[in-house]
Amino acid sequence: MAAVSPRSSLAEAARTRERIVQVAVEEASRIGLESLTIGSLADRLGMSKSGVIGPFGSRENLQNAVLEQAGQIFRAAVIAPLAELSPGPARLTRLIDMWVDYLADCPFPGGCFVTAASMELDGRLGPLRDQLRRVVTSWRAFLTGEIAAAQAETQSVPPRPPEEVATVLIGISMAINQEIQLLNDRSATERGRAAMRGAVGLPPVTERDHALNP
């Protein structure tokens, strides 16, 4: 029997870890990070409990990996498409469109992962809450910077503080998520898109926009 090379073993271990995290993200999206259990994951994956926990060392480390993966998925959907645009109104428009599209066709079964995790963990002290706080703080800082850059080019009157506008946009995003997930109201998508654009002083949604964002 041919020996398995160390490189192949490492690649297989990485694939196993990735598979565990993927299933754990889906599970946590439905039931919450704190309700995530090694036993339920083992059953879904057809693995032993030790096989599930082994790549992470602890349930807490697995939860952290799940939260990090959820953040990467969000960044890929909302932030990565901005790479070719310079900061300004066009880039902020793209950000809003990508953000709303992410909420409308969410990659997580339970809707926006960070929104759900924030509701779950905001009153619970601990390392997981601390990591979530860093994720949210980073996103708010990025969003505030994008708003400030757009305001610098477009406002003819003193604008609202970028931090205040960011709070409004995040509040609208939570409302969109709730209306889609809880109320099953698909009209929330375009209503929310229009509300976000209005909040930052961008032109309303046009027929051309609908063509670009079917």
N, C-alpha and C. Protein backbone atom coordinates (compact mmCIF):
# COMPACT_ATOMS: atom_id res chain seq x y z
N MET A 1 0.85 -1.19 0.00
CA MET A 1 0.00 0.00 0.00
C MET A 1 0.89 1.24 0.00
N ALA A 2 0.58 2.19 -0.88
CA ALA A 2 1.38 3.39 -0.99
C ALA A 2 1.17 4.28 0.24
N ALA A 3 2.25 4.87 0.71
CA ALA A 3 2.17 5.75 1.86
C ALA A 3 1.52 7.08 1.46
N VAL A 4 0.75 7.63 2.38
CA VAL A 4 0.13 8.93 2.15
C VAL A 4 1.14 10.02 2.49
N SER A 5 1.38 10.93 1.56
CA SER A 5 2.37 11.98 1.77
C SER A 5 1.85 12.99 2.81
N PRO A 6 2.78 13.62 3.52
CA PRO A 6 2.36 14.66 4.48
C PRO A 6 1.52 15.76 3.83
N ARG A 7 1.88 16.11 2.58
CA ARG A 7 1.13 17.15 1.89
C ARG A 7 -0.32 16.72 1.65
N SER A 8 -0.51 15.46 1.24
CA SER A 8 -1.85 14.95 1.01
C SER A 8 -2.64 14.91 2.31
N SER A 9 -1.97 14.52 3.41
CA SER A 9 -2.64 14.46 4.70
C SER A 9 -3.09 15.85 5.14
N LEU A 10 -2.24 16.85 4.93
CA LEU A 10 -2.60 18.21 5.29
C LEU A 10 -3.76 18.71 4.45
N ALA A 11 -3.75 18.39 3.16
CA ALA A 11 -4.83 18.83 2.27
C ALA A 11 -6.15 18.18 2.69
N GLU A 12 -6.10 16.90 3.04
CA GLU A 12 -7.30 16.20 3.47
C GLU A 12 -7.82 16.78 4.77
N ALA A 13 -6.90 17.09 5.68
CA ALA A 13 -7.30 17.69 6.95
C ALA A 13 -7.96 19.06 6.73
N ALA A 14 -7.42 19.83 5.79
CA ALA A 14 -7.99 21.14 5.48
C ALA A 14 -9.39 21.00 4.88
N ARG A 15 -9.57 20.01 4.00
CA ARG A 15 -10.89 19.78 3.40
C ARG A 15 -11.89 19.36 4.46
N THR A 16 -11.46 18.51 5.39
CA THR A 16 -12.35 18.08 6.46
C THR A 16 -12.77 19.26 7.33
N ARG A 17 -11.79 20.07 7.68
CA ARG A 17 -12.09 21.26 8.50
C ARG A 17 -13.06 22.18 7.78
N GLU A 18 -12.83 22.40 6.49
CA GLU A 18 -13.70 23.28 5.70
C GLU A 18 -15.13 22.73 5.66
N ARG A 19 -15.24 21.41 5.49
CA ARG A 19 -16.56 20.78 5.44
C ARG A 19 -17.29 20.93 6.78
N ILE A 20 -16.57 20.74 7.87
CA ILE A 20 -17.18 20.89 9.19
C ILE A 20 -17.68 22.32 9.38
N VAL A 21 -16.85 23.28 9.04
CA VAL A 21 -17.23 24.69 9.22
C VAL A 21 -18.44 25.04 8.35
N GLN A 22 -18.46 24.54 7.12
CA GLN A 22 -19.59 24.84 6.23
C GLN A 22 -20.90 24.35 6.82
N VAL A 23 -20.91 23.11 7.31
CA VAL A 23 -22.12 22.56 7.90
C VAL A 23 -22.46 23.28 9.20
N ALA A 24 -21.44 23.63 9.98
CA ALA A 24 -21.66 24.33 11.23
C ALA A 24 -22.25 25.72 11.00
N VAL A 25 -21.81 26.40 9.95
CA VAL A 25 -22.38 27.71 9.61
C VAL A 25 -23.87 27.58 9.31
N GLU A 26 -24.23 26.58 8.50
CA GLU A 26 -25.64 26.36 8.17
C GLU A 26 -26.45 26.05 9.42
N GLU A 27 -25.90 25.20 10.28
CA GLU A 27 -26.60 24.82 11.50
C GLU A 27 -26.75 26.01 12.44
N ALA A 28 -25.67 26.76 12.65
CA ALA A 28 -25.72 27.92 13.54
C ALA A 28 -26.66 28.99 13.01
N SER A 29 -26.77 29.12 11.69
CA SER A 29 -27.68 30.09 11.10
C SER A 29 -29.13 29.78 11.48
N ARG A 30 -29.43 28.50 11.61
CA ARG A 30 -30.80 28.10 11.94
C ARG A 30 -31.08 28.13 13.44
N ILE A 31 -30.12 27.69 14.26
CA ILE A 31 -30.41 27.49 15.69
C ILE A 31 -29.59 28.40 16.60
N GLY A 32 -28.60 29.11 16.07
CA GLY A 32 -27.78 29.99 16.88
C GLY A 32 -26.43 29.39 17.23
N LEU A 33 -25.46 30.26 17.45
CA LEU A 33 -24.11 29.80 17.75
C LEU A 33 -24.04 29.05 19.08
N GLU A 34 -24.75 29.54 20.10
CA GLU A 34 -24.69 28.91 21.40
C GLU A 34 -25.39 27.56 21.43
N SER A 35 -26.34 27.35 20.52
CA SER A 35 -27.06 26.07 20.47
C SER A 35 -26.35 25.03 19.61
N LEU A 36 -25.26 25.45 18.98
CA LEU A 36 -24.50 24.53 18.14
C LEU A 36 -23.85 23.45 19.01
N THR A 37 -24.10 22.19 18.69
CA THR A 37 -23.53 21.10 19.48
C THR A 37 -22.68 20.19 18.60
N ILE A 38 -21.66 19.62 19.21
CA ILE A 38 -20.78 18.70 18.50
C ILE A 38 -21.56 17.45 18.08
N GLY A 39 -22.49 17.01 18.93
CA GLY A 39 -23.28 15.82 18.61
C GLY A 39 -24.13 15.99 17.37
N SER A 40 -24.81 17.13 17.24
CA SER A 40 -25.66 17.35 16.07
C SER A 40 -24.82 17.46 14.80
N LEU A 41 -23.65 18.09 14.91
CA LEU A 41 -22.77 18.19 13.75
C LEU A 41 -22.25 16.82 13.35
N ALA A 42 -21.87 16.02 14.34
CA ALA A 42 -21.38 14.67 14.05
C ALA A 42 -22.43 13.86 13.33
N ASP A 43 -23.69 13.99 13.75
CA ASP A 43 -24.78 13.25 13.09
C ASP A 43 -24.95 13.71 11.65
N ARG A 44 -24.93 15.01 11.41
CA ARG A 44 -25.11 15.54 10.06
C ARG A 44 -23.96 15.17 9.14
N LEU A 45 -22.76 15.15 9.70
CA LEU A 45 -21.57 14.89 8.89
C LEU A 45 -21.23 13.41 8.77
N GLY A 46 -21.89 12.57 9.58
CA GLY A 46 -21.55 11.15 9.59
C GLY A 46 -20.17 10.91 10.15
N MET A 47 -19.80 11.70 11.17
CA MET A 47 -18.48 11.60 11.78
C MET A 47 -18.64 11.34 13.28
N SER A 48 -17.53 10.98 13.91
CA SER A 48 -17.52 10.86 15.36
C SER A 48 -17.41 12.25 15.98
N LYS A 49 -17.78 12.37 17.25
CA LYS A 49 -17.64 13.65 17.93
C LYS A 49 -16.18 14.08 18.00
N SER A 50 -15.30 13.13 18.25
CA SER A 50 -13.88 13.47 18.32
C SER A 50 -13.36 13.91 16.96
N GLY A 51 -13.90 13.33 15.88
CA GLY A 51 -13.49 13.74 14.54
C GLY A 51 -13.93 15.15 14.21
N VAL A 52 -15.09 15.56 14.76
CA VAL A 52 -15.58 16.92 14.52
C VAL A 52 -14.78 17.94 15.32
N ILE A 53 -14.54 17.65 16.59
CA ILE A 53 -13.89 18.63 17.44
C ILE A 53 -12.38 18.66 17.23
N GLY A 54 -11.81 17.55 16.73
CA GLY A 54 -10.36 17.42 16.61
C GLY A 54 -9.67 18.56 15.88
N PRO A 55 -10.16 18.99 14.70
CA PRO A 55 -9.46 20.06 13.96
C PRO A 55 -9.48 21.42 14.67
N PHE A 56 -10.32 21.56 15.70
CA PHE A 56 -10.48 22.87 16.34
C PHE A 56 -9.98 22.88 17.79
N GLY A 57 -10.01 21.73 18.43
CA GLY A 57 -9.52 21.64 19.80
C GLY A 57 -10.56 21.91 20.86
N SER A 58 -11.58 22.70 20.53
CA SER A 58 -12.63 22.99 21.50
C SER A 58 -13.87 23.48 20.75
N ARG A 59 -15.02 23.41 21.41
CA ARG A 59 -16.25 23.92 20.83
C ARG A 59 -16.16 25.42 20.62
N GLU A 60 -15.52 26.12 21.53
CA GLU A 60 -15.37 27.57 21.39
C GLU A 60 -14.57 27.93 20.15
N ASN A 61 -13.50 27.19 19.89
CA ASN A 61 -12.71 27.45 18.68
C ASN A 61 -13.51 27.17 17.42
N LEU A 62 -14.36 26.15 17.47
CA LEU A 62 -15.24 25.86 16.33
C LEU A 62 -16.22 27.00 16.12
N GLN A 63 -16.81 27.51 17.20
CA GLN A 63 -17.73 28.64 17.09
C GLN A 63 -17.03 29.86 16.50
N ASN A 64 -15.80 30.10 16.93
CA ASN A 64 -15.04 31.22 16.38
C ASN A 64 -14.79 31.04 14.88
N ALA A 65 -14.48 29.80 14.48
CA ALA A 65 -14.27 29.51 13.06
C ALA A 65 -15.54 29.74 12.26
N VAL A 66 -16.68 29.39 12.84
CA VAL A 66 -17.97 29.59 12.18
C VAL A 66 -18.23 31.09 11.99
N LEU A 67 -17.98 31.86 13.02
CA LEU A 67 -18.19 33.30 12.94
C LEU A 67 -17.27 33.94 11.91
N GLU A 68 -16.03 33.50 11.88
CA GLU A 68 -15.07 34.01 10.90
C GLU A 68 -15.51 33.66 9.47
N GLN A 69 -15.98 32.44 9.27
CA GLN A 69 -16.45 32.03 7.94
C GLN A 69 -17.65 32.85 7.50
N ALA A 70 -18.57 33.10 8.43
CA ALA A 70 -19.74 33.92 8.11
C ALA A 70 -19.31 35.31 7.69
N GLY A 71 -18.31 35.86 8.37
CA GLY A 71 -17.79 37.18 7.99
C GLY A 71 -17.16 37.17 6.62
N GLN A 72 -16.43 36.12 6.29
CA GLN A 72 -15.81 36.01 4.97
C GLN A 72 -16.86 35.93 3.86
N ILE A 73 -17.94 35.20 4.13
CA ILE A 73 -19.01 35.10 3.14
C ILE A 73 -19.65 36.46 2.90
N PHE A 74 -19.87 37.20 3.98
CA PHE A 74 -20.45 38.54 3.85
C PHE A 74 -19.51 39.46 3.06
N ARG A 75 -18.23 39.44 3.40
CA ARG A 75 -17.27 40.30 2.70
C ARG A 75 -17.19 39.96 1.22
N ALA A 76 -17.24 38.68 0.90
CA ALA A 76 -17.18 38.27 -0.51
C ALA A 76 -18.41 38.76 -1.28
N ALA A 77 -19.56 38.77 -0.61
CA ALA A 77 -20.81 39.17 -1.28
C ALA A 77 -20.97 40.68 -1.38
N VAL A 78 -20.52 41.41 -0.36
CA VAL A 78 -20.84 42.83 -0.28
C VAL A 78 -19.63 43.74 -0.54
N ILE A 79 -18.47 43.36 -0.05
CA ILE A 79 -17.31 44.25 -0.14
C ILE A 79 -16.43 43.95 -1.36
N ALA A 80 -16.21 42.68 -1.66
CA ALA A 80 -15.34 42.34 -2.78
C ALA A 80 -15.77 42.97 -4.10
N PRO A 81 -17.08 43.06 -4.41
CA PRO A 81 -17.49 43.68 -5.69
C PRO A 81 -17.15 45.16 -5.81
N LEU A 82 -16.69 45.78 -4.73
CA LEU A 82 -16.37 47.21 -4.78
C LEU A 82 -14.93 47.47 -5.23
N ALA A 83 -14.14 46.43 -5.37
CA ALA A 83 -12.69 46.57 -5.53
C ALA A 83 -12.29 47.45 -6.71
N GLU A 84 -13.04 47.42 -7.78
CA GLU A 84 -12.64 48.16 -8.98
C GLU A 84 -13.14 49.60 -8.99
N LEU A 85 -13.88 50.00 -7.97
CA LEU A 85 -14.43 51.35 -7.92
C LEU A 85 -13.68 52.19 -6.89
N SER A 86 -13.47 53.46 -7.20
CA SER A 86 -12.87 54.38 -6.24
C SER A 86 -13.93 54.84 -5.25
N PRO A 87 -13.54 55.16 -4.01
CA PRO A 87 -14.51 55.66 -3.04
C PRO A 87 -15.27 56.86 -3.58
N GLY A 88 -16.57 56.88 -3.35
CA GLY A 88 -17.41 57.95 -3.85
C GLY A 88 -18.83 57.47 -4.02
N PRO A 89 -19.69 58.28 -4.64
CA PRO A 89 -21.11 57.93 -4.76
C PRO A 89 -21.37 56.63 -5.51
N ALA A 90 -20.65 56.40 -6.62
CA ALA A 90 -20.88 55.19 -7.40
C ALA A 90 -20.54 53.95 -6.58
N ARG A 91 -19.47 54.03 -5.82
CA ARG A 91 -19.08 52.87 -5.01
C ARG A 91 -20.06 52.65 -3.86
N LEU A 92 -20.55 53.73 -3.26
CA LEU A 92 -21.54 53.58 -2.19
C LEU A 92 -22.84 53.01 -2.74
N THR A 93 -23.21 53.42 -3.94
CA THR A 93 -24.40 52.84 -4.58
C THR A 93 -24.22 51.34 -4.78
N ARG A 94 -23.05 50.95 -5.27
CA ARG A 94 -22.77 49.53 -5.47
C ARG A 94 -22.81 48.78 -4.14
N LEU A 95 -22.25 49.38 -3.10
CA LEU A 95 -22.25 48.74 -1.79
C LEU A 95 -23.69 48.48 -1.32
N ILE A 96 -24.53 49.50 -1.44
CA ILE A 96 -25.93 49.34 -1.02
C ILE A 96 -26.61 48.25 -1.83
N ASP A 97 -26.39 48.25 -3.13
CA ASP A 97 -27.02 47.23 -3.98
C ASP A 97 -26.55 45.83 -3.61
N MET A 98 -25.25 45.66 -3.39
CA MET A 98 -24.73 44.34 -3.02
C MET A 98 -25.24 43.91 -1.65
N TRP A 99 -25.34 44.85 -0.74
CA TRP A 99 -25.82 44.59 0.62
C TRP A 99 -27.28 44.12 0.59
N VAL A 100 -28.11 44.85 -0.15
CA VAL A 100 -29.52 44.48 -0.24
C VAL A 100 -29.69 43.15 -0.97
N ASP A 101 -28.91 42.95 -2.01
CA ASP A 101 -28.98 41.67 -2.73
C ASP A 101 -28.58 40.51 -1.83
N TYR A 102 -27.58 40.74 -0.99
CA TYR A 102 -27.17 39.72 -0.02
C TYR A 102 -28.31 39.37 0.93
N LEU A 103 -29.05 40.37 1.38
CA LEU A 103 -30.17 40.12 2.28
C LEU A 103 -31.32 39.43 1.56
N ALA A 104 -31.54 39.79 0.30
CA ALA A 104 -32.65 39.23 -0.46
C ALA A 104 -32.40 37.78 -0.86
N ASP A 105 -31.17 37.46 -1.19
CA ASP A 105 -30.81 36.10 -1.60
C ASP A 105 -29.70 35.61 -0.67
N CYS A 106 -30.03 35.50 0.60
CA CYS A 106 -29.01 35.29 1.62
C CYS A 106 -28.40 33.90 1.54
N PRO A 107 -27.08 33.79 1.67
CA PRO A 107 -26.43 32.48 1.63
C PRO A 107 -26.64 31.67 2.90
N PHE A 108 -27.25 32.27 3.92
CA PHE A 108 -27.48 31.58 5.19
C PHE A 108 -28.96 31.22 5.32
N PRO A 109 -29.28 30.00 5.75
CA PRO A 109 -30.68 29.59 5.87
C PRO A 109 -31.50 30.48 6.79
N GLY A 110 -30.87 31.03 7.82
CA GLY A 110 -31.59 31.84 8.79
C GLY A 110 -31.50 33.34 8.55
N GLY A 111 -31.07 33.75 7.37
CA GLY A 111 -30.92 35.18 7.09
C GLY A 111 -29.55 35.69 7.50
N CYS A 112 -29.41 37.00 7.58
CA CYS A 112 -28.11 37.62 7.86
C CYS A 112 -27.52 37.04 9.15
N PHE A 113 -26.37 36.42 9.01
CA PHE A 113 -25.76 35.70 10.13
C PHE A 113 -25.36 36.66 11.25
N VAL A 114 -24.74 37.78 10.90
CA VAL A 114 -24.26 38.72 11.90
C VAL A 114 -25.43 39.35 12.65
N THR A 115 -26.52 39.65 11.95
CA THR A 115 -27.70 40.19 12.62
C THR A 115 -28.24 39.20 13.64
N ALA A 116 -28.38 37.95 13.23
CA ALA A 116 -28.89 36.92 14.15
C ALA A 116 -27.95 36.72 15.33
N ALA A 117 -26.64 36.68 15.05
CA ALA A 117 -25.66 36.48 16.12
C ALA A 117 -25.65 37.67 17.07
N SER A 118 -25.85 38.87 16.55
CA SER A 118 -25.88 40.06 17.40
C SER A 118 -27.05 39.99 18.38
N MET A 119 -28.22 39.56 17.88
CA MET A 119 -29.38 39.42 18.76
C MET A 119 -29.14 38.35 19.81
N GLU A 120 -28.42 37.31 19.43
CA GLU A 120 -28.17 36.19 20.33
C GLU A 120 -27.13 36.53 21.40
N LEU A 121 -26.08 37.26 21.02
CA LEU A 121 -24.92 37.39 21.89
C LEU A 121 -24.75 38.76 22.53
N ASP A 122 -25.59 39.73 22.17
CA ASP A 122 -25.32 41.09 22.64
C ASP A 122 -25.31 41.21 24.16
N GLY A 123 -26.04 40.36 24.86
CA GLY A 123 -26.06 40.45 26.31
C GLY A 123 -25.24 39.38 27.01
N ARG A 124 -24.43 38.64 26.26
CA ARG A 124 -23.66 37.55 26.83
C ARG A 124 -22.17 37.87 26.75
N LEU A 125 -21.54 38.02 27.90
CA LEU A 125 -20.12 38.31 27.92
C LEU A 125 -19.31 37.06 27.58
N GLY A 126 -18.16 37.27 26.93
CA GLY A 126 -17.30 36.14 26.63
C GLY A 126 -16.54 36.35 25.34
N PRO A 127 -15.61 35.44 25.04
CA PRO A 127 -14.77 35.58 23.84
C PRO A 127 -15.56 35.60 22.53
N LEU A 128 -16.64 34.84 22.45
CA LEU A 128 -17.42 34.80 21.21
C LEU A 128 -18.08 36.16 20.96
N ARG A 129 -18.62 36.75 22.00
CA ARG A 129 -19.20 38.09 21.87
C ARG A 129 -18.12 39.10 21.50
N ASP A 130 -16.93 38.95 22.10
CA ASP A 130 -15.83 39.86 21.78
C ASP A 130 -15.45 39.78 20.31
N GLN A 131 -15.41 38.56 19.76
CA GLN A 131 -15.08 38.41 18.35
C GLN A 131 -16.16 39.02 17.47
N LEU A 132 -17.42 38.79 17.82
CA LEU A 132 -18.52 39.38 17.06
C LEU A 132 -18.45 40.90 17.12
N ARG A 133 -18.11 41.43 18.27
CA ARG A 133 -17.97 42.88 18.42
C ARG A 133 -16.91 43.42 17.47
N ARG A 134 -15.80 42.70 17.33
CA ARG A 134 -14.74 43.13 16.41
C ARG A 134 -15.24 43.10 14.97
N VAL A 135 -15.99 42.07 14.61
CA VAL A 135 -16.55 41.97 13.26
C VAL A 135 -17.46 43.15 12.96
N VAL A 136 -18.36 43.43 13.89
CA VAL A 136 -19.33 44.51 13.69
C VAL A 136 -18.63 45.87 13.68
N THR A 137 -17.67 46.06 14.57
CA THR A 137 -16.95 47.32 14.63
C THR A 137 -16.18 47.58 13.34
N SER A 138 -15.55 46.52 12.80
CA SER A 138 -14.83 46.66 11.54
C SER A 138 -15.77 47.04 10.40
N TRP A 139 -16.92 46.40 10.34
CA TRP A 139 -17.89 46.69 9.28
C TRP A 139 -18.41 48.12 9.41
N ARG A 140 -18.72 48.55 10.62
CA ARG A 140 -19.22 49.92 10.82
C ARG A 140 -18.17 50.94 10.41
N ALA A 141 -16.91 50.69 10.73
CA ALA A 141 -15.85 51.62 10.36
C ALA A 141 -15.71 51.70 8.84
N PHE A 142 -15.79 50.54 8.18
CA PHE A 142 -15.71 50.53 6.71
C PHE A 142 -16.88 51.29 6.11
N LEU A 143 -18.09 51.00 6.59
CA LEU A 143 -19.29 51.65 6.07
C LEU A 143 -19.23 53.16 6.30
N THR A 144 -18.81 53.58 7.47
CA THR A 144 -18.70 55.01 7.77
C THR A 144 -17.72 55.70 6.83
N GLY A 145 -16.61 55.03 6.54
CA GLY A 145 -15.64 55.60 5.60
C GLY A 145 -16.20 55.75 4.20
N GLU A 146 -16.98 54.76 3.75
CA GLU A 146 -17.59 54.84 2.42
C GLU A 146 -18.61 55.97 2.36
N ILE A 147 -19.37 56.14 3.42
CA ILE A 147 -20.36 57.23 3.46
C ILE A 147 -19.65 58.58 3.43
N ALA A 148 -18.60 58.72 4.22
CA ALA A 148 -17.86 60.00 4.26
C ALA A 148 -17.27 60.33 2.89
N ALA A 149 -16.74 59.34 2.19
CA ALA A 149 -16.16 59.57 0.87
C ALA A 149 -17.21 60.02 -0.13
N ALA A 150 -18.39 59.41 -0.06
CA ALA A 150 -19.47 59.80 -0.97
C ALA A 150 -19.98 61.20 -0.65
N GLN A 151 -20.10 61.51 0.64
CA GLN A 151 -20.56 62.84 1.04
C GLN A 151 -19.60 63.92 0.57
N ALA A 152 -18.33 63.64 0.59
CA ALA A 152 -17.32 64.63 0.20
C ALA A 152 -17.50 65.07 -1.24
N GLU A 153 -18.08 64.23 -2.07
CA GLU A 153 -18.24 64.55 -3.49
C GLU A 153 -19.61 65.09 -3.84
N THR A 154 -20.64 64.76 -3.03
CA THR A 154 -22.01 65.02 -3.48
C THR A 154 -22.77 66.05 -2.68
N GLN A 155 -22.42 66.29 -1.45
CA GLN A 155 -23.26 67.14 -0.60
C GLN A 155 -23.02 68.61 -0.88
N SER A 156 -24.12 69.34 -1.15
CA SER A 156 -24.03 70.79 -1.31
C SER A 156 -24.44 71.52 -0.03
N VAL A 157 -24.97 70.78 0.94
CA VAL A 157 -25.31 71.31 2.25
C VAL A 157 -24.59 70.46 3.28
N PRO A 158 -24.41 70.98 4.50
CA PRO A 158 -23.72 70.18 5.51
C PRO A 158 -24.41 68.82 5.70
N PRO A 159 -23.69 67.74 5.52
CA PRO A 159 -24.31 66.41 5.62
C PRO A 159 -24.48 65.98 7.06
N ARG A 160 -25.30 64.96 7.25
CA ARG A 160 -25.39 64.34 8.55
C ARG A 160 -24.07 63.64 8.85
N PRO A 161 -23.68 63.51 10.10
CA PRO A 161 -22.43 62.82 10.42
C PRO A 161 -22.43 61.40 9.84
N PRO A 162 -21.33 60.98 9.22
CA PRO A 162 -21.28 59.65 8.62
C PRO A 162 -21.63 58.53 9.61
N GLU A 163 -21.21 58.68 10.87
CA GLU A 163 -21.52 57.65 11.87
C GLU A 163 -23.03 57.52 12.08
N GLU A 164 -23.73 58.66 12.04
CA GLU A 164 -25.19 58.66 12.19
C GLU A 164 -25.84 57.99 11.00
N VAL A 165 -25.37 58.30 9.81
CA VAL A 165 -25.93 57.69 8.60
C VAL A 165 -25.69 56.19 8.59
N ALA A 166 -24.50 55.77 9.05
CA ALA A 166 -24.20 54.33 9.13
C ALA A 166 -25.18 53.63 10.05
N THR A 167 -25.52 54.26 11.17
CA THR A 167 -26.51 53.68 12.08
C THR A 167 -27.86 53.52 11.39
N VAL A 168 -28.25 54.52 10.62
CA VAL A 168 -29.52 54.44 9.89
C VAL A 168 -29.50 53.29 8.89
N LEU A 169 -28.41 53.16 8.13
CA LEU A 169 -28.32 52.09 7.13
C LEU A 169 -28.36 50.72 7.78
N ILE A 170 -27.65 50.57 8.89
CA ILE A 170 -27.64 49.28 9.57
C ILE A 170 -29.04 48.96 10.11
N GLY A 171 -29.72 49.98 10.62
CA GLY A 171 -31.09 49.77 11.08
C GLY A 171 -32.01 49.34 9.94
N ILE A 172 -31.87 49.97 8.79
CA ILE A 172 -32.69 49.58 7.62
C ILE A 172 -32.37 48.15 7.22
N SER A 173 -31.09 47.78 7.24
CA SER A 173 -30.72 46.42 6.84
C SER A 173 -31.36 45.39 7.78
N MET A 174 -31.41 45.70 9.07
CA MET A 174 -32.04 44.77 10.02
C MET A 174 -33.54 44.66 9.75
N ALA A 175 -34.16 45.78 9.39
CA ALA A 175 -35.58 45.75 9.06
C ALA A 175 -35.83 44.92 7.80
N ILE A 176 -34.98 45.10 6.78
CA ILE A 176 -35.12 44.30 5.56
C ILE A 176 -35.00 42.81 5.90
N ASN A 177 -33.99 42.47 6.69
CA ASN A 177 -33.78 41.07 7.05
C ASN A 177 -35.00 40.49 7.76
N GLN A 178 -35.57 41.26 8.70
CA GLN A 178 -36.74 40.79 9.43
C GLN A 178 -37.95 40.61 8.51
N GLU A 179 -38.17 41.58 7.63
CA GLU A 179 -39.34 41.52 6.76
C GLU A 179 -39.24 40.37 5.77
N ILE A 180 -38.02 40.07 5.32
CA ILE A 180 -37.84 38.94 4.40
C ILE A 180 -37.95 37.62 5.15
N GLN A 181 -37.23 37.50 6.27
CA GLN A 181 -37.14 36.22 6.97
C GLN A 181 -38.39 35.91 7.78
N LEU A 182 -38.90 36.87 8.53
CA LEU A 182 -40.04 36.63 9.41
C LEU A 182 -41.38 36.82 8.71
N LEU A 183 -41.48 37.89 7.93
CA LEU A 183 -42.76 38.22 7.30
C LEU A 183 -42.89 37.67 5.89
N ASN A 184 -41.79 37.12 5.35
CA ASN A 184 -41.79 36.59 3.98
C ASN A 184 -42.27 37.64 2.99
N ASP A 185 -41.83 38.86 3.19
CA ASP A 185 -42.24 39.98 2.35
C ASP A 185 -41.12 40.30 1.38
N ARG A 186 -41.24 39.81 0.17
CA ARG A 186 -40.18 40.02 -0.81
C ARG A 186 -40.14 41.47 -1.31
N SER A 187 -41.22 42.22 -1.12
CA SER A 187 -41.19 43.62 -1.54
C SER A 187 -40.26 44.44 -0.65
N ALA A 188 -39.84 43.87 0.48
CA ALA A 188 -38.92 44.57 1.37
C ALA A 188 -37.59 44.87 0.68
N THR A 189 -37.24 44.07 -0.31
CA THR A 189 -35.96 44.25 -0.99
C THR A 189 -35.86 45.63 -1.63
N GLU A 190 -36.80 45.95 -2.50
CA GLU A 190 -36.71 47.23 -3.21
C GLU A 190 -37.10 48.39 -2.31
N ARG A 191 -38.00 48.17 -1.37
CA ARG A 191 -38.34 49.21 -0.42
C ARG A 191 -37.11 49.58 0.42
N GLY A 192 -36.38 48.56 0.84
CA GLY A 192 -35.18 48.80 1.63
C GLY A 192 -34.08 49.45 0.81
N ARG A 193 -33.96 49.03 -0.46
CA ARG A 193 -32.94 49.64 -1.33
C ARG A 193 -33.21 51.13 -1.49
N ALA A 194 -34.50 51.49 -1.71
CA ALA A 194 -34.86 52.89 -1.86
C ALA A 194 -34.62 53.67 -0.57
N ALA A 195 -34.93 53.04 0.57
CA ALA A 195 -34.73 53.71 1.86
C ALA A 195 -33.25 53.96 2.13
N MET A 196 -32.40 52.99 1.81
CA MET A 196 -30.97 53.17 2.00
C MET A 196 -30.43 54.28 1.11
N ARG A 197 -30.83 54.27 -0.15
CA ARG A 197 -30.35 55.32 -1.05
C ARG A 197 -30.80 56.70 -0.57
N GLY A 198 -32.04 56.78 -0.13
CA GLY A 198 -32.55 58.05 0.37
C GLY A 198 -31.80 58.53 1.60
N ALA A 199 -31.43 57.60 2.45
CA ALA A 199 -30.75 57.95 3.70
C ALA A 199 -29.38 58.56 3.46
N VAL A 200 -28.75 58.20 2.34
CA VAL A 200 -27.41 58.73 2.06
C VAL A 200 -27.43 59.80 0.97
N GLY A 201 -28.64 60.16 0.51
CA GLY A 201 -28.75 61.22 -0.49
C GLY A 201 -28.42 60.80 -1.90
N LEU A 202 -28.54 59.50 -2.20
CA LEU A 202 -28.30 59.02 -3.55
C LEU A 202 -29.59 59.07 -4.36
N PRO A 203 -29.50 59.12 -5.69
CA PRO A 203 -30.71 59.13 -6.52
C PRO A 203 -31.55 57.88 -6.27
N PRO A 204 -32.87 57.99 -6.47
CA PRO A 204 -33.73 56.82 -6.27
C PRO A 204 -33.44 55.72 -7.27
N VAL A 205 -33.97 54.55 -7.00
CA VAL A 205 -33.81 53.41 -7.89
C VAL A 205 -34.52 53.69 -9.20
N THR A 206 -33.85 53.41 -10.33
CA THR A 206 -34.41 53.65 -11.66
C THR A 206 -34.68 52.33 -12.37
N GLU A 207 -35.33 52.41 -13.52
CA GLU A 207 -35.58 51.23 -14.33
C GLU A 207 -34.25 50.59 -14.77
N ARG A 208 -33.26 51.43 -15.04
CA ARG A 208 -31.94 50.89 -15.42
C ARG A 208 -31.35 50.06 -14.27
N ASP A 209 -31.53 50.58 -13.05
CA ASP A 209 -31.04 49.84 -11.89
C ASP A 209 -31.70 48.48 -11.80
N HIS A 210 -33.00 48.45 -12.05
CA HIS A 210 -33.72 47.16 -12.01
C HIS A 210 -33.16 46.21 -13.04
N ALA A 211 -32.80 46.76 -14.22
CA ALA A 211 -32.23 45.90 -15.26
C ALA A 211 -30.88 45.33 -14.85
N LEU A 212 -30.11 46.16 -14.12
CA LEU A 212 -28.78 45.71 -13.67
C LEU A 212 -28.85 44.81 -12.47
N ASN A 213 -29.97 44.90 -11.71
CA ASN A 213 -30.14 44.08 -10.51
C ASN A 213 -31.47 43.35 -10.60
N PRO A 214 -31.59 42.37 -11.50
CA PRO A 214 -32.89 41.70 -11.70
C PRO A 214 -33.32 40.97 -10.45
